[in-house]
Amino acid sequence: MINKEFFYEMIKTASVSGSEYNLQRKIINYMKDDCDEIISDDVGNVTSIINKNSPIKVMLSGHIDEIGLIITHILDNGMIKVVKAGGIRIGLYIGQHVNIHNQKGVVGGVVVTNEKLQSNKKLKTSDITIDIGTTTKQETLSYIAVGDTITIDYDYQLLKNNRISARAIDDRGGAFIILEALKLAKKKGCSIGVYATTSVGEETNMRGAHWAASRIQPTLGIAVDVTFATDYEGTNPENSGYVQIGKGPVLCHSNVVNPIINKRLIKAAKNATIDYQLESYMGNTGTDADKILFAGQGFPVALVSLPLRYMHSSIELASLDDIDACIELLSEFLCQIEESINLNPYQEE
């Protein structure tokens, strides 16, 4: 079992897309004693590295930005207007407590609700108004500023059967997994280069993974993100497959994914007796894998996913057992990569 305390700290730390720096600083401090080197770049990515002199470089990517809101302007009555950062579900914000984050700290607020809003089934971001208790524009601006980010006022709760509900498991789960997989692979004696990138901007313009891969020039990349669990009422397994909470990592069959990497992941899962699941996507996966594939000269990629219920809602749900299994799978995979690995499917050994 992996110690989850830093995972909980990641969840509690606001990281709306475009404002990931506070969380990245915590990651640097957390990883500094377990890496050969930690590098950052101009867009905000942080990459933790072991075995940097190895000719084989495996890039692991988990994005650390979350969906949320950003302040655009203040009304004369002190109320706050916003724009969305990422794919938020507008209706879930009405009537909720929120936190506004800036250099001064955290300012609490509520999203305005009324009968008209509650009955509107076509809500837009422009319908969201935030009340922090002030009565004038000038008073509001003494506490907050245009550009401040906003999150739902919720961090996490531990549930039955080793499950967790939290804000922004997408993709705190994936980011935590890649960091712990690097650490565990190192303990197991991994000899190849591992570049664990906590990437930025995935929820808005996906800039982070493209920027990082272009500079790392990896032998191969693995994006670690969340995927839709389809084991509860109202979901549609026909879209990509039947995915269950608590049944292990999800590997993706896709025209984006290199089939040799998938075979190696399945082999690692079997060797370590790790349960795994499969899903299928055609076209882009909507994850960092897409950007790694098309970065630079192009790099072979795979996608490992954490099953997630209620994605992009104000409260998501995952299994801590699945997080452990993803970490174990990736550490085994990393330890089994040899310098002669051939990822060309026409030259497969």
Protein backbone atom coordinates (compact mmCIF):
# COMPACT_ATOMS: atom_id res chain seq x y z
CA MET A 1 0.00 0.00 0.00
CA ILE A 2 1.29 3.44 -0.97
CA ASN A 3 1.14 6.25 1.59
CA LYS A 4 -1.62 8.53 0.34
CA GLU A 5 -0.98 11.59 2.48
CA PHE A 6 0.60 13.54 -0.36
CA PHE A 7 -2.29 12.57 -2.62
CA TYR A 8 -4.68 14.14 -0.13
CA GLU A 9 -2.49 17.24 -0.02
CA MET A 10 -2.61 17.43 -3.83
CA ILE A 11 -6.40 17.29 -3.76
CA LYS A 12 -6.62 20.06 -1.17
CA THR A 13 -4.35 22.35 -3.21
CA ALA A 14 -6.19 24.42 -5.80
CA SER A 15 -4.73 24.12 -9.31
CA VAL A 16 -7.17 25.56 -11.84
CA SER A 17 -5.83 25.31 -15.38
CA GLY A 18 -3.35 28.15 -15.88
CA SER A 19 -2.62 28.51 -12.15
CA GLU A 20 -0.81 25.28 -11.32
CA TYR A 21 2.32 26.79 -9.78
CA ASN A 22 1.51 26.40 -6.08
CA LEU A 23 0.86 22.67 -6.48
CA GLN A 24 3.93 22.24 -8.68
CA ARG A 25 6.10 23.76 -5.95
CA LYS A 26 4.76 21.17 -3.52
CA ILE A 27 5.56 18.41 -6.02
CA ILE A 28 9.13 19.67 -6.40
CA ASN A 29 9.59 19.59 -2.64
CA TYR A 30 7.99 16.15 -2.38
CA MET A 31 10.13 14.56 -5.10
CA LYS A 32 13.48 16.28 -4.60
CA ASP A 33 15.04 13.50 -2.51
CA ASP A 34 13.97 10.68 -4.85
CA CYS A 35 15.27 11.98 -8.19
CA ASP A 36 18.52 12.59 -9.99
CA GLU A 37 17.13 15.87 -11.25
CA ILE A 38 13.92 17.90 -11.36
CA ILE A 39 13.40 20.27 -14.26
CA SER A 40 10.73 22.86 -14.93
CA ASP A 41 9.89 24.84 -18.04
CA ASP A 42 8.41 28.13 -19.15
CA VAL A 43 4.81 26.89 -19.44
CA GLY A 44 4.79 25.40 -15.92
CA ASN A 45 5.54 21.69 -16.33
CA VAL A 46 7.65 19.90 -13.72
CA THR A 47 9.54 16.73 -14.63
CA SER A 48 11.08 14.39 -12.04
CA ILE A 49 13.91 12.28 -13.48
CA ILE A 50 15.82 9.13 -12.53
CA ASN A 51 18.65 7.52 -14.51
CA LYS A 52 19.06 10.60 -16.68
CA ASN A 53 22.14 9.15 -18.42
CA SER A 54 20.23 6.17 -19.82
CA PRO A 55 19.69 6.18 -23.61
CA ILE A 56 16.12 4.97 -22.99
CA LYS A 57 13.75 7.69 -21.82
CA VAL A 58 10.20 6.83 -20.76
CA MET A 59 8.02 9.88 -20.26
CA LEU A 60 5.12 9.49 -17.85
CA SER A 61 2.59 12.30 -18.01
CA GLY A 62 -0.19 13.14 -15.56
CA HIS A 63 -1.78 16.57 -15.67
CA ILE A 64 -2.18 18.52 -12.46
CA ASP A 65 -4.56 21.23 -13.59
CA GLU A 66 -8.24 21.07 -12.69
CA ILE A 67 -11.43 22.56 -14.07
CA GLY A 68 -12.81 25.67 -12.39
CA LEU A 69 -13.70 29.30 -12.89
CA ILE A 70 -11.74 32.52 -13.46
CA ILE A 71 -12.91 36.00 -12.49
CA THR A 72 -13.57 38.33 -15.43
CA HIS A 73 -15.18 41.41 -13.87
CA ILE A 74 -17.01 42.85 -10.87
CA LEU A 75 -20.52 44.34 -10.94
CA ASP A 76 -21.35 47.64 -9.25
CA ASN A 77 -23.17 45.77 -6.47
CA GLY A 78 -20.02 43.81 -5.62
CA MET A 79 -21.08 40.57 -7.30
CA ILE A 80 -18.48 38.63 -9.29
CA LYS A 81 -18.71 37.35 -12.89
CA VAL A 82 -16.59 34.57 -14.30
CA VAL A 83 -15.51 32.51 -17.28
CA LYS A 84 -14.99 28.75 -17.17
CA ALA A 85 -11.60 27.03 -17.20
CA GLY A 86 -12.16 23.61 -18.75
CA GLY A 87 -15.28 21.51 -19.16
CA ILE A 88 -17.27 22.38 -16.05
CA ARG A 89 -20.91 21.37 -15.69
CA ILE A 90 -22.59 24.71 -15.08
CA GLY A 91 -25.68 23.38 -13.33
CA LEU A 92 -23.61 21.74 -10.58
CA TYR A 93 -22.20 25.12 -9.51
CA ILE A 94 -25.54 26.82 -8.77
CA GLY A 95 -26.01 27.21 -5.01
CA GLN A 96 -22.56 25.85 -4.15
CA HIS A 97 -19.94 27.19 -1.77
CA VAL A 98 -16.76 28.20 -3.61
CA ASN A 99 -13.24 29.33 -2.78
CA ILE A 100 -11.49 32.19 -4.56
CA HIS A 101 -7.70 31.78 -4.65
CA ASN A 102 -5.14 34.56 -4.86
CA GLN A 103 -1.83 35.64 -3.36
CA LYS A 104 -3.59 36.97 -0.28
CA GLY A 105 -5.11 33.58 0.52
CA VAL A 106 -8.59 32.15 0.10
CA VAL A 107 -11.85 34.11 -0.01
CA GLY A 108 -15.09 32.22 0.50
CA GLY A 109 -18.18 32.80 -1.58
CA VAL A 110 -21.44 31.30 -2.79
CA VAL A 111 -22.82 30.91 -6.29
CA VAL A 112 -26.06 32.82 -6.57
CA THR A 113 -29.17 30.68 -6.89
CA ASN A 114 -32.82 31.51 -7.47
CA GLU A 115 -35.91 29.89 -8.89
CA LYS A 116 -35.18 31.08 -12.43
CA LEU A 117 -31.68 29.63 -12.41
CA GLN A 118 -32.82 26.37 -10.85
CA SER A 119 -35.37 25.84 -13.61
CA ASN A 120 -33.04 26.80 -16.46
CA LYS A 121 -31.89 23.66 -18.23
CA LYS A 122 -29.64 25.59 -20.64
CA LEU A 123 -27.38 27.40 -18.22
CA LYS A 124 -24.33 29.22 -19.57
CA THR A 125 -21.21 30.37 -17.74
CA SER A 126 -22.52 33.92 -17.99
CA ASP A 127 -25.40 32.84 -15.71
CA ILE A 128 -22.97 32.26 -12.83
CA THR A 129 -22.66 35.07 -10.31
CA ILE A 130 -20.65 34.83 -7.10
CA ASP A 131 -21.49 36.59 -3.86
CA ILE A 132 -18.73 37.04 -1.26
CA GLY A 133 -20.84 39.23 1.01
CA THR A 134 -19.60 42.61 -0.21
CA THR A 135 -21.89 45.42 -1.39
CA THR A 136 -19.80 47.50 -3.79
CA LYS A 137 -17.33 46.92 -6.61
CA GLN A 138 -14.60 48.75 -4.70
CA GLU A 139 -15.12 46.62 -1.59
CA THR A 140 -14.97 43.40 -3.60
CA LEU A 141 -11.75 44.48 -5.29
CA SER A 142 -10.15 44.96 -1.89
CA TYR A 143 -10.36 41.17 -1.45
CA ILE A 144 -10.06 39.70 -4.95
CA ALA A 145 -8.83 40.59 -8.45
CA VAL A 146 -9.68 39.89 -12.06
CA GLY A 147 -7.91 36.66 -13.04
CA ASP A 148 -8.26 34.97 -9.63
CA THR A 149 -9.28 31.33 -9.86
CA ILE A 150 -12.27 29.67 -8.23
CA THR A 151 -12.90 26.10 -7.10
CA ILE A 152 -15.79 24.31 -5.42
CA ASP A 153 -15.33 24.38 -1.63
CA TYR A 154 -14.69 20.66 -1.22
CA ASP A 155 -11.55 18.58 -0.93
CA TYR A 156 -12.05 14.86 -0.17
CA GLN A 157 -13.88 12.25 1.88
CA LEU A 158 -12.89 8.63 2.44
CA LEU A 159 -15.73 6.21 1.67
CA LYS A 160 -16.42 2.51 2.18
CA ASN A 161 -14.44 -0.20 0.36
CA ASN A 162 -11.30 1.98 0.22
CA ARG A 163 -12.89 4.51 -2.11
CA ILE A 164 -12.51 8.26 -2.15
CA SER A 165 -14.73 11.14 -3.25
CA ALA A 166 -12.92 14.35 -4.08
CA ARG A 167 -12.72 17.45 -6.20
CA ALA A 168 -10.40 17.01 -9.19
CA ILE A 169 -9.31 13.39 -8.98
CA ASP A 170 -9.09 14.21 -12.69
CA ASP A 171 -6.16 14.25 -12.81
CA ARG A 172 -4.64 14.44 -9.35
CA GLY A 173 -4.97 10.65 -9.42
CA GLY A 174 -2.85 10.31 -12.56
CA ALA A 175 -0.25 12.83 -11.37
CA PHE A 176 0.12 11.04 -8.03
CA ILE A 177 0.38 7.68 -9.80
CA ILE A 178 3.28 8.71 -12.04
CA LEU A 179 5.23 10.20 -9.13
CA GLU A 180 4.81 7.10 -6.99
CA ALA A 181 5.51 4.78 -9.93
CA LEU A 182 8.87 6.52 -10.45
CA LYS A 183 9.73 6.16 -6.77
CA LEU A 184 8.69 2.50 -6.65
CA ALA A 185 10.53 1.65 -9.88
CA LYS A 186 13.68 3.21 -8.43
CA LYS A 187 13.35 1.05 -5.30
CA LYS A 188 13.00 -2.03 -7.52
CA GLY A 189 16.23 -1.22 -9.35
CA CYS A 190 14.89 0.31 -12.57
CA SER A 191 17.84 1.18 -14.83
CA ILE A 192 16.20 3.14 -17.66
CA GLY A 193 15.51 6.86 -17.68
CA VAL A 194 12.13 7.78 -16.25
CA TYR A 195 10.75 11.28 -16.77
CA ALA A 196 7.60 11.81 -14.69
CA THR A 197 6.00 15.02 -15.94
CA THR A 198 3.22 16.68 -13.99
CA SER A 199 1.85 18.58 -16.94
CA VAL A 200 -0.17 21.78 -17.09
CA GLY A 201 -3.08 23.03 -19.14
CA GLU A 202 -4.63 19.71 -20.17
CA GLU A 203 -8.15 20.82 -19.30
CA THR A 204 -7.97 23.92 -21.51
CA ASN A 205 -5.43 23.80 -24.36
CA MET A 206 -3.27 20.69 -23.59
CA ARG A 207 -0.10 22.71 -24.00
CA GLY A 208 1.89 21.08 -21.21
CA ALA A 209 2.44 17.57 -22.53
CA HIS A 210 3.31 18.82 -26.03
CA TRP A 211 5.87 21.26 -24.66
CA ALA A 212 7.44 18.68 -22.32
CA ALA A 213 7.63 15.86 -24.88
CA SER A 214 9.17 18.17 -27.47
CA ARG A 215 12.02 18.84 -25.07
CA ILE A 216 12.42 15.44 -23.43
CA GLN A 217 12.38 13.58 -26.79
CA PRO A 218 11.29 10.33 -25.12
CA THR A 219 11.74 6.82 -26.44
CA LEU A 220 8.10 6.32 -25.54
CA GLY A 221 5.43 8.06 -23.52
CA ILE A 222 2.62 6.92 -21.25
CA ALA A 223 -0.18 9.27 -20.32
CA VAL A 224 -1.90 8.48 -17.05
CA ASP A 225 -5.35 9.99 -16.75
CA VAL A 226 -8.85 9.06 -15.65
CA THR A 227 -11.51 7.31 -17.70
CA PHE A 228 -15.27 7.01 -17.38
CA ALA A 229 -16.43 4.21 -15.12
CA THR A 230 -19.57 2.68 -16.66
CA ASP A 231 -20.65 0.53 -13.71
CA TYR A 232 -23.55 2.64 -12.45
CA GLU A 233 -26.95 3.75 -13.68
CA GLY A 234 -27.09 6.26 -16.51
CA THR A 235 -23.74 5.43 -18.12
CA ASN A 236 -23.18 3.97 -21.58
CA PRO A 237 -20.65 1.09 -21.86
CA GLU A 238 -21.29 0.97 -25.62
CA ASN A 239 -19.22 4.13 -26.05
CA SER A 240 -15.85 2.59 -25.16
CA GLY A 241 -16.28 -0.46 -22.90
CA TYR A 242 -17.42 -1.69 -19.51
CA VAL A 243 -15.17 -0.13 -16.87
CA GLN A 244 -15.57 -0.83 -13.17
CA ILE A 245 -14.34 0.90 -10.04
CA GLY A 246 -12.02 -1.35 -8.03
CA LYS A 247 -11.15 -3.67 -10.90
CA GLY A 248 -7.74 -2.23 -11.76
CA PRO A 249 -6.03 0.00 -14.33
CA VAL A 250 -7.63 0.53 -17.73
CA LEU A 251 -5.55 0.06 -20.88
CA CYS A 252 -6.71 1.71 -24.07
CA HIS A 253 -7.00 0.17 -27.52
CA SER A 254 -6.79 3.10 -29.93
CA ASN A 255 -5.21 4.16 -33.18
CA VAL A 256 -3.27 6.64 -31.03
CA VAL A 257 -1.74 3.88 -28.90
CA ASN A 258 1.33 1.87 -29.90
CA PRO A 259 0.36 -1.84 -29.76
CA ILE A 260 3.79 -3.00 -28.58
CA ILE A 261 3.62 -0.78 -25.51
CA ASN A 262 0.17 -2.16 -24.73
CA LYS A 263 1.51 -5.72 -24.99
CA ARG A 264 4.33 -4.83 -22.62
CA LEU A 265 1.84 -3.32 -20.15
CA ILE A 266 -0.32 -6.44 -20.27
CA LYS A 267 2.76 -8.62 -19.76
CA ALA A 268 3.76 -6.53 -16.74
CA ALA A 269 0.25 -6.82 -15.31
CA LYS A 270 0.26 -10.59 -15.67
CA ASN A 271 3.74 -10.95 -14.22
CA ALA A 272 2.71 -8.95 -11.16
CA THR A 273 -0.78 -10.57 -10.98
CA ILE A 274 -2.46 -7.17 -11.36
CA ASP A 275 -6.05 -7.10 -12.59
CA TYR A 276 -6.53 -4.79 -15.55
CA GLN A 277 -9.37 -3.66 -17.80
CA LEU A 278 -9.63 -2.67 -21.46
CA GLU A 279 -11.39 0.13 -23.29
CA SER A 280 -11.47 1.13 -26.95
CA TYR A 281 -11.33 4.57 -28.55
CA MET A 282 -10.94 5.58 -32.16
CA GLY A 283 -9.54 9.01 -32.87
CA ASN A 284 -8.04 11.21 -30.19
CA THR A 285 -8.22 10.07 -26.59
CA GLY A 286 -8.67 13.57 -25.15
CA THR A 287 -5.58 13.07 -22.95
CA ASP A 288 -1.90 14.00 -22.88
CA ALA A 289 -1.26 10.91 -25.04
CA ASP A 290 -2.55 12.79 -28.09
CA LYS A 291 -0.08 15.64 -27.61
CA ILE A 292 2.91 13.39 -26.87
CA LEU A 293 2.21 11.42 -30.06
CA PHE A 294 2.35 14.54 -32.22
CA ALA A 295 5.14 16.40 -30.41
CA GLY A 296 8.44 16.91 -32.21
CA GLN A 297 9.04 14.10 -34.65
CA GLY A 298 6.29 12.07 -32.98
CA PHE A 299 6.68 9.57 -30.15
CA PRO A 300 4.98 6.21 -29.55
CA VAL A 301 2.51 6.37 -26.68
CA ALA A 302 0.10 4.40 -24.53
CA LEU A 303 -2.66 5.40 -22.15
CA VAL A 304 -3.19 3.98 -18.67
CA SER A 305 -6.34 5.18 -16.93
CA LEU A 306 -7.83 5.29 -13.46
CA PRO A 307 -11.55 4.39 -13.46
CA LEU A 308 -13.58 7.38 -12.29
CA ARG A 309 -17.24 7.97 -11.51
CA TYR A 310 -18.93 11.39 -11.95
CA MET A 311 -16.13 12.92 -14.04
CA HIS A 312 -16.07 16.72 -14.30
CA SER A 313 -18.68 17.07 -11.60
CA SER A 314 -18.04 18.92 -8.36
CA ILE A 315 -17.40 15.57 -6.61
CA GLU A 316 -15.70 12.63 -8.35
CA LEU A 317 -15.23 9.08 -7.01
CA ALA A 318 -12.39 6.57 -7.42
CA SER A 319 -10.87 3.54 -5.73
CA LEU A 320 -7.65 3.87 -3.77
CA ASP A 321 -7.01 0.20 -4.62
CA ASP A 322 -7.02 1.12 -8.31
CA ILE A 323 -4.48 3.86 -7.63
CA ASP A 324 -2.21 1.30 -5.92
CA ALA A 325 -2.63 -1.10 -8.84
CA CYS A 326 -1.76 1.59 -11.42
CA ILE A 327 1.41 2.45 -9.48
CA GLU A 328 2.43 -1.21 -9.26
CA LEU A 329 1.71 -1.82 -12.97
CA LEU A 330 3.79 1.13 -14.15
CA SER A 331 6.69 0.32 -11.84
CA GLU A 332 6.76 -3.26 -13.18
CA PHE A 333 6.57 -2.00 -16.76
CA LEU A 334 9.47 0.40 -16.19
CA CYS A 335 11.64 -2.31 -14.67
CA GLN A 336 11.07 -4.61 -17.65
CA ILE A 337 12.12 -2.15 -20.37
CA GLU A 338 15.47 -2.99 -21.91
CA GLU A 339 17.76 -0.78 -24.00
CA SER A 340 17.07 -2.84 -27.11
CA ILE A 341 13.30 -2.33 -27.01
CA ASN A 342 11.75 -2.18 -30.48
CA LEU A 343 8.39 -0.41 -30.80
CA ASN A 344 8.00 -0.81 -34.57
CA PRO A 345 5.07 -3.23 -35.02
CA TYR A 346 6.51 -4.41 -38.37
CA GLN A 347 9.77 -5.42 -36.70
CA GLU A 348 8.34 -6.90 -33.52
CA GLU A 349 10.51 -9.62 -32.08
